[in-house]
Amino acid sequence: MGLSGLASGFDWRSLVDQLVEVERAPQRRLVSEQQDIQTRKTAYNSITTQLSVLQNRVDDLNEGSLFDSRLAKSSSEEIATALPEAGAALGTYAYHIIQLATASVRIGSANIARAINAHPMSPG
């Protein structure tokens, strides 16, 4: 065949290359399908992961204690503190403290507030 092709000018090498390419077409198609399947598998795994995250968040929302929790915050812990308790009424509460208490001492004599008409000299 090589001899007759040389004499007739027939390009037998191109024919062989084309036949080899035709034989490899199913293999290329299988590799392409395999890549498509791998891409789908990756997408399904991603969806599964996201669904799992969503399920965990739904489970957290179904926890009864989530809605019973309370938060209390003071703008100045030196002036006042707040301690929330479960079951406290929901809402926002603001207390405006105008003046802080100061220390004081009672000065005066004992029994200063006794009745005026109870004079020790008068009978009773």
N, C-alpha and C. Protein backbone atom coordinates (compact mmCIF):
# COMPACT_ATOMS: atom_id res chain seq x y z
N MET A 1 0.83 -1.18 0.00
CA MET A 1 0.00 0.00 0.00
C MET A 1 0.87 1.25 0.00
N GLY A 2 1.94 1.21 0.73
CA GLY A 2 2.83 2.36 0.74
C GLY A 2 3.41 2.62 -0.63
N LEU A 3 3.64 1.59 -1.33
CA LEU A 3 4.24 1.73 -2.65
C LEU A 3 3.24 2.27 -3.66
N SER A 4 2.01 1.74 -3.59
CA SER A 4 1.02 2.22 -4.55
C SER A 4 0.63 3.66 -4.25
N GLY A 5 0.65 4.05 -2.97
CA GLY A 5 0.30 5.43 -2.62
C GLY A 5 1.35 6.39 -3.10
N LEU A 6 2.61 5.93 -3.05
CA LEU A 6 3.67 6.81 -3.50
C LEU A 6 3.57 7.03 -5.01
N ALA A 7 3.19 5.99 -5.69
CA ALA A 7 3.13 6.10 -7.14
C ALA A 7 1.89 6.87 -7.58
N SER A 8 0.78 6.74 -6.85
CA SER A 8 -0.45 7.38 -7.29
C SER A 8 -0.64 8.77 -6.69
N GLY A 9 0.17 9.14 -5.72
CA GLY A 9 0.05 10.44 -5.07
C GLY A 9 -1.02 10.45 -3.98
N PHE A 10 -1.50 9.27 -3.61
CA PHE A 10 -2.52 9.16 -2.57
C PHE A 10 -1.88 9.40 -1.19
N ASP A 11 -2.53 10.24 -0.34
CA ASP A 11 -2.02 10.56 1.00
C ASP A 11 -2.55 9.55 2.00
N TRP A 12 -1.86 8.40 2.06
CA TRP A 12 -2.29 7.31 2.91
C TRP A 12 -2.10 7.65 4.39
N ARG A 13 -1.12 8.49 4.74
CA ARG A 13 -0.87 8.86 6.15
C ARG A 13 -2.06 9.65 6.71
N SER A 14 -2.62 10.54 5.94
CA SER A 14 -3.78 11.32 6.35
C SER A 14 -4.98 10.40 6.57
N LEU A 15 -5.15 9.40 5.71
CA LEU A 15 -6.24 8.45 5.86
C LEU A 15 -6.10 7.67 7.17
N VAL A 16 -4.91 7.22 7.48
CA VAL A 16 -4.68 6.47 8.72
C VAL A 16 -4.95 7.36 9.93
N ASP A 17 -4.51 8.61 9.88
CA ASP A 17 -4.75 9.54 10.98
C ASP A 17 -6.25 9.76 11.20
N GLN A 18 -6.98 9.89 10.10
CA GLN A 18 -8.43 10.09 10.20
C GLN A 18 -9.13 8.85 10.78
N LEU A 19 -8.66 7.66 10.36
CA LEU A 19 -9.24 6.42 10.90
C LEU A 19 -8.96 6.30 12.40
N VAL A 20 -7.78 6.69 12.82
CA VAL A 20 -7.42 6.65 14.25
C VAL A 20 -8.31 7.64 15.01
N GLU A 21 -8.54 8.82 14.45
CA GLU A 21 -9.40 9.81 15.09
C GLU A 21 -10.83 9.30 15.23
N VAL A 22 -11.32 8.60 14.22
CA VAL A 22 -12.66 8.04 14.28
C VAL A 22 -12.74 6.98 15.37
N GLU A 23 -11.69 6.19 15.52
CA GLU A 23 -11.66 5.16 16.55
C GLU A 23 -11.60 5.78 17.96
N ARG A 24 -10.99 6.95 18.09
CA ARG A 24 -10.85 7.60 19.41
C ARG A 24 -12.08 8.42 19.80
N ALA A 25 -12.98 8.67 18.92
CA ALA A 25 -14.16 9.50 19.19
C ALA A 25 -14.98 8.96 20.37
N PRO A 26 -15.28 7.66 20.46
CA PRO A 26 -16.02 7.17 21.63
C PRO A 26 -15.27 7.40 22.94
N GLN A 27 -13.96 7.27 22.90
CA GLN A 27 -13.17 7.49 24.11
C GLN A 27 -13.26 8.95 24.55
N ARG A 28 -13.17 9.89 23.60
CA ARG A 28 -13.29 11.31 23.93
C ARG A 28 -14.68 11.64 24.47
N ARG A 29 -15.69 11.02 23.88
CA ARG A 29 -17.06 11.25 24.34
C ARG A 29 -17.22 10.74 25.78
N LEU A 30 -16.64 9.59 26.11
CA LEU A 30 -16.71 9.05 27.46
C LEU A 30 -15.98 9.95 28.47
N VAL A 31 -14.83 10.48 28.07
CA VAL A 31 -14.08 11.38 28.95
C VAL A 31 -14.90 12.65 29.20
N SER A 32 -15.54 13.17 28.16
CA SER A 32 -16.38 14.36 28.29
C SER A 32 -17.57 14.09 29.21
N GLU A 33 -18.20 12.93 29.05
CA GLU A 33 -19.32 12.57 29.91
C GLU A 33 -18.86 12.39 31.36
N GLN A 34 -17.68 11.84 31.53
CA GLN A 34 -17.13 11.64 32.87
C GLN A 34 -16.91 13.00 33.54
N GLN A 35 -16.41 13.97 32.80
CA GLN A 35 -16.21 15.32 33.35
C GLN A 35 -17.55 15.96 33.72
N ASP A 36 -18.57 15.76 32.87
CA ASP A 36 -19.91 16.28 33.17
C ASP A 36 -20.46 15.66 34.45
N ILE A 37 -20.27 14.35 34.59
CA ILE A 37 -20.75 13.65 35.79
C ILE A 37 -20.03 14.17 37.03
N GLN A 38 -18.74 14.40 36.92
CA GLN A 38 -17.97 14.92 38.05
C GLN A 38 -18.46 16.33 38.43
N THR A 39 -18.76 17.15 37.44
CA THR A 39 -19.29 18.50 37.69
C THR A 39 -20.63 18.42 38.41
N ARG A 40 -21.49 17.52 37.96
CA ARG A 40 -22.79 17.34 38.62
C ARG A 40 -22.63 16.85 40.05
N LYS A 41 -21.69 15.92 40.24
CA LYS A 41 -21.45 15.38 41.59
C LYS A 41 -21.00 16.50 42.52
N THR A 42 -20.13 17.36 42.04
CA THR A 42 -19.67 18.49 42.85
C THR A 42 -20.84 19.41 43.19
N ALA A 43 -21.70 19.67 42.21
CA ALA A 43 -22.87 20.53 42.46
C ALA A 43 -23.81 19.88 43.48
N TYR A 44 -24.06 18.58 43.36
CA TYR A 44 -24.92 17.88 44.32
C TYR A 44 -24.33 17.91 45.72
N ASN A 45 -23.02 17.72 45.82
CA ASN A 45 -22.37 17.78 47.13
C ASN A 45 -22.51 19.17 47.75
N SER A 46 -22.39 20.20 46.93
CA SER A 46 -22.55 21.57 47.42
C SER A 46 -23.98 21.79 47.91
N ILE A 47 -24.95 21.31 47.16
CA ILE A 47 -26.36 21.44 47.57
C ILE A 47 -26.60 20.68 48.87
N THR A 48 -26.04 19.50 48.99
CA THR A 48 -26.20 18.70 50.21
C THR A 48 -25.62 19.44 51.41
N THR A 49 -24.46 20.04 51.23
CA THR A 49 -23.84 20.80 52.32
C THR A 49 -24.71 21.98 52.72
N GLN A 50 -25.20 22.71 51.74
CA GLN A 50 -26.04 23.87 52.04
C GLN A 50 -27.34 23.46 52.72
N LEU A 51 -27.91 22.34 52.30
CA LEU A 51 -29.13 21.85 52.95
C LEU A 51 -28.86 21.44 54.39
N SER A 52 -27.70 20.86 54.62
CA SER A 52 -27.32 20.49 55.98
C SER A 52 -27.18 21.73 56.87
N VAL A 53 -26.56 22.77 56.35
CA VAL A 53 -26.43 24.03 57.09
C VAL A 53 -27.81 24.61 57.38
N LEU A 54 -28.68 24.59 56.38
CA LEU A 54 -30.03 25.09 56.57
C LEU A 54 -30.77 24.28 57.64
N GLN A 55 -30.63 22.97 57.61
CA GLN A 55 -31.28 22.11 58.61
C GLN A 55 -30.79 22.44 60.01
N ASN A 56 -29.50 22.66 60.15
CA ASN A 56 -28.95 23.02 61.47
C ASN A 56 -29.53 24.35 61.96
N ARG A 57 -29.69 25.30 61.06
CA ARG A 57 -30.25 26.60 61.45
C ARG A 57 -31.72 26.48 61.81
N VAL A 58 -32.45 25.64 61.10
CA VAL A 58 -33.86 25.41 61.43
C VAL A 58 -33.95 24.74 62.79
N ASP A 59 -33.08 23.79 63.06
CA ASP A 59 -33.06 23.13 64.37
C ASP A 59 -32.80 24.15 65.48
N ASP A 60 -31.87 25.09 65.23
CA ASP A 60 -31.59 26.13 66.21
C ASP A 60 -32.83 27.00 66.46
N LEU A 61 -33.56 27.30 65.38
CA LEU A 61 -34.77 28.11 65.54
C LEU A 61 -35.87 27.36 66.28
N ASN A 62 -35.87 26.05 66.19
CA ASN A 62 -36.88 25.25 66.88
C ASN A 62 -36.58 25.06 68.36
N GLU A 63 -35.39 25.45 68.81
CA GLU A 63 -35.05 25.36 70.23
C GLU A 63 -35.97 26.28 71.02
N GLY A 64 -36.64 25.75 72.00
CA GLY A 64 -37.55 26.55 72.81
C GLY A 64 -36.86 27.64 73.59
N SER A 65 -35.65 27.40 74.00
CA SER A 65 -34.93 28.37 74.82
C SER A 65 -34.51 29.61 74.03
N LEU A 66 -34.50 29.51 72.71
CA LEU A 66 -34.09 30.66 71.89
C LEU A 66 -34.98 31.86 72.15
N PHE A 67 -36.27 31.63 72.23
CA PHE A 67 -37.21 32.74 72.37
C PHE A 67 -37.44 33.12 73.83
N ASP A 68 -36.92 32.34 74.75
CA ASP A 68 -37.04 32.67 76.16
C ASP A 68 -35.86 33.47 76.67
N SER A 69 -34.84 33.59 75.87
CA SER A 69 -33.65 34.30 76.34
C SER A 69 -33.89 35.80 76.31
N ARG A 70 -33.27 36.50 77.22
CA ARG A 70 -33.39 37.94 77.33
C ARG A 70 -32.00 38.54 77.39
N LEU A 71 -31.91 39.77 76.96
CA LEU A 71 -30.64 40.48 76.98
C LEU A 71 -30.84 41.81 77.69
N ALA A 72 -29.96 42.11 78.60
CA ALA A 72 -30.02 43.39 79.30
C ALA A 72 -28.66 44.04 79.19
N LYS A 73 -28.67 45.34 78.97
CA LYS A 73 -27.40 46.04 78.78
C LYS A 73 -27.50 47.41 79.44
N SER A 74 -26.47 47.77 80.14
CA SER A 74 -26.40 49.08 80.78
C SER A 74 -25.38 49.91 80.02
N SER A 75 -25.71 51.19 79.81
CA SER A 75 -24.76 52.05 79.11
C SER A 75 -23.56 52.38 79.99
N SER A 76 -23.73 52.26 81.30
CA SER A 76 -22.62 52.49 82.22
C SER A 76 -22.75 51.52 83.40
N GLU A 77 -21.89 50.54 83.44
CA GLU A 77 -21.93 49.55 84.52
C GLU A 77 -21.55 50.17 85.86
N GLU A 78 -20.93 51.35 85.86
CA GLU A 78 -20.57 52.02 87.12
C GLU A 78 -21.81 52.61 87.78
N ILE A 79 -22.80 52.97 86.98
CA ILE A 79 -24.00 53.60 87.51
C ILE A 79 -25.07 52.56 87.83
N ALA A 80 -25.31 51.65 86.90
CA ALA A 80 -26.36 50.66 87.11
C ALA A 80 -26.04 49.39 86.33
N THR A 81 -26.52 48.28 86.84
CA THR A 81 -26.39 47.02 86.13
C THR A 81 -27.78 46.46 85.88
N ALA A 82 -27.88 45.62 84.90
CA ALA A 82 -29.18 45.01 84.57
C ALA A 82 -28.98 43.51 84.45
N LEU A 83 -29.89 42.77 85.07
CA LEU A 83 -29.83 41.32 85.02
C LEU A 83 -31.16 40.80 84.47
N PRO A 84 -31.16 40.24 83.27
CA PRO A 84 -32.41 39.74 82.70
C PRO A 84 -32.78 38.38 83.29
N GLU A 85 -34.05 38.11 83.33
CA GLU A 85 -34.53 36.82 83.79
C GLU A 85 -35.44 36.23 82.73
N ALA A 86 -35.43 34.91 82.61
CA ALA A 86 -36.32 34.24 81.66
C ALA A 86 -37.75 34.56 82.03
N GLY A 87 -38.56 34.83 81.05
CA GLY A 87 -39.96 35.13 81.29
C GLY A 87 -40.23 36.60 81.51
N ALA A 88 -39.21 37.43 81.57
CA ALA A 88 -39.43 38.87 81.72
C ALA A 88 -40.14 39.39 80.48
N ALA A 89 -40.96 40.41 80.67
CA ALA A 89 -41.72 40.97 79.55
C ALA A 89 -40.76 41.52 78.50
N LEU A 90 -41.09 41.23 77.25
CA LEU A 90 -40.25 41.72 76.17
C LEU A 90 -40.44 43.21 75.99
N GLY A 91 -39.41 43.87 75.57
CA GLY A 91 -39.51 45.30 75.30
C GLY A 91 -38.17 45.97 75.48
N THR A 92 -38.18 47.24 75.20
CA THR A 92 -36.99 48.05 75.39
C THR A 92 -37.30 49.03 76.51
N TYR A 93 -36.48 49.04 77.51
CA TYR A 93 -36.71 49.90 78.67
C TYR A 93 -35.52 50.83 78.80
N ALA A 94 -35.82 52.11 79.03
CA ALA A 94 -34.76 53.10 79.19
C ALA A 94 -34.98 53.82 80.52
N TYR A 95 -33.96 53.89 81.31
CA TYR A 95 -33.99 54.61 82.56
C TYR A 95 -32.97 55.74 82.46
N HIS A 96 -33.43 56.94 82.71
CA HIS A 96 -32.53 58.10 82.65
C HIS A 96 -32.26 58.54 84.08
N ILE A 97 -31.06 58.35 84.52
CA ILE A 97 -30.67 58.68 85.89
C ILE A 97 -30.18 60.11 85.89
N ILE A 98 -30.88 60.95 86.64
CA ILE A 98 -30.55 62.37 86.67
C ILE A 98 -29.48 62.66 87.71
N GLN A 99 -29.60 62.03 88.87
CA GLN A 99 -28.64 62.30 89.94
C GLN A 99 -28.38 61.00 90.69
N LEU A 100 -27.13 60.79 91.01
CA LEU A 100 -26.76 59.62 91.80
C LEU A 100 -26.95 59.93 93.28
N ALA A 101 -27.24 58.92 94.06
CA ALA A 101 -27.39 59.09 95.50
C ALA A 101 -26.04 59.46 96.11
N THR A 102 -26.12 60.27 97.17
CA THR A 102 -24.90 60.64 97.88
C THR A 102 -25.01 60.15 99.32
N ALA A 103 -23.89 60.04 99.96
CA ALA A 103 -23.87 59.60 101.36
C ALA A 103 -24.36 60.73 102.25
N SER A 104 -25.11 60.39 103.29
CA SER A 104 -25.58 61.41 104.23
C SER A 104 -25.53 60.84 105.64
N VAL A 105 -25.47 61.72 106.60
CA VAL A 105 -25.41 61.33 108.01
C VAL A 105 -26.47 62.14 108.76
N ARG A 106 -27.22 61.49 109.64
CA ARG A 106 -28.24 62.17 110.44
C ARG A 106 -27.54 62.88 111.60
N ILE A 107 -27.80 64.15 111.67
CA ILE A 107 -27.20 64.94 112.75
C ILE A 107 -28.35 65.55 113.55
N GLY A 108 -28.30 65.46 114.83
CA GLY A 108 -29.34 66.04 115.68
C GLY A 108 -29.37 65.32 117.01
N SER A 109 -30.26 65.81 117.88
CA SER A 109 -30.34 65.20 119.20
C SER A 109 -31.40 64.11 119.21
N ALA A 110 -31.33 63.27 120.18
CA ALA A 110 -32.27 62.16 120.30
C ALA A 110 -33.65 62.68 120.65
N ASN A 111 -34.65 62.04 120.19
CA ASN A 111 -36.06 62.34 120.46
C ASN A 111 -36.42 63.77 120.09
N ILE A 112 -35.87 64.27 119.01
CA ILE A 112 -36.12 65.65 118.59
C ILE A 112 -37.53 65.85 118.08
N ALA A 113 -38.20 64.82 117.69
CA ALA A 113 -39.52 64.96 117.11
C ALA A 113 -40.64 64.66 118.10
N ARG A 114 -40.38 64.70 119.39
CA ARG A 114 -41.43 64.41 120.36
C ARG A 114 -42.50 65.49 120.32
N ALA A 115 -43.65 65.19 120.81
CA ALA A 115 -44.78 66.11 120.78
C ALA A 115 -44.51 67.34 121.63
N ILE A 116 -45.00 68.48 121.16
CA ILE A 116 -44.75 69.74 121.86
C ILE A 116 -45.53 69.80 123.19
N ASN A 117 -46.75 69.26 123.22
CA ASN A 117 -47.54 69.33 124.43
C ASN A 117 -47.11 68.35 125.51
N ALA A 118 -46.12 67.55 125.25
CA ALA A 118 -45.65 66.59 126.25
C ALA A 118 -44.48 67.20 127.00
N HIS A 119 -44.71 68.32 127.71
CA HIS A 119 -43.66 68.98 128.47
C HIS A 119 -43.34 68.18 129.70
N PRO A 120 -42.05 67.99 130.04
CA PRO A 120 -41.70 67.14 131.17
C PRO A 120 -42.21 67.69 132.52
N MET A 121 -42.49 68.96 132.64
CA MET A 121 -42.94 69.54 133.89
C MET A 121 -44.44 69.39 134.09
N SER A 122 -45.14 69.30 133.01
CA SER A 122 -46.60 69.23 133.15
C SER A 122 -47.03 67.79 133.40
N PRO A 123 -48.08 67.61 134.20
CA PRO A 123 -48.56 66.26 134.42
C PRO A 123 -49.27 65.77 133.17
N GLY A 124 -49.09 64.67 132.92
CA GLY A 124 -49.59 64.11 131.88
C GLY A 124 -50.18 63.63 130.84
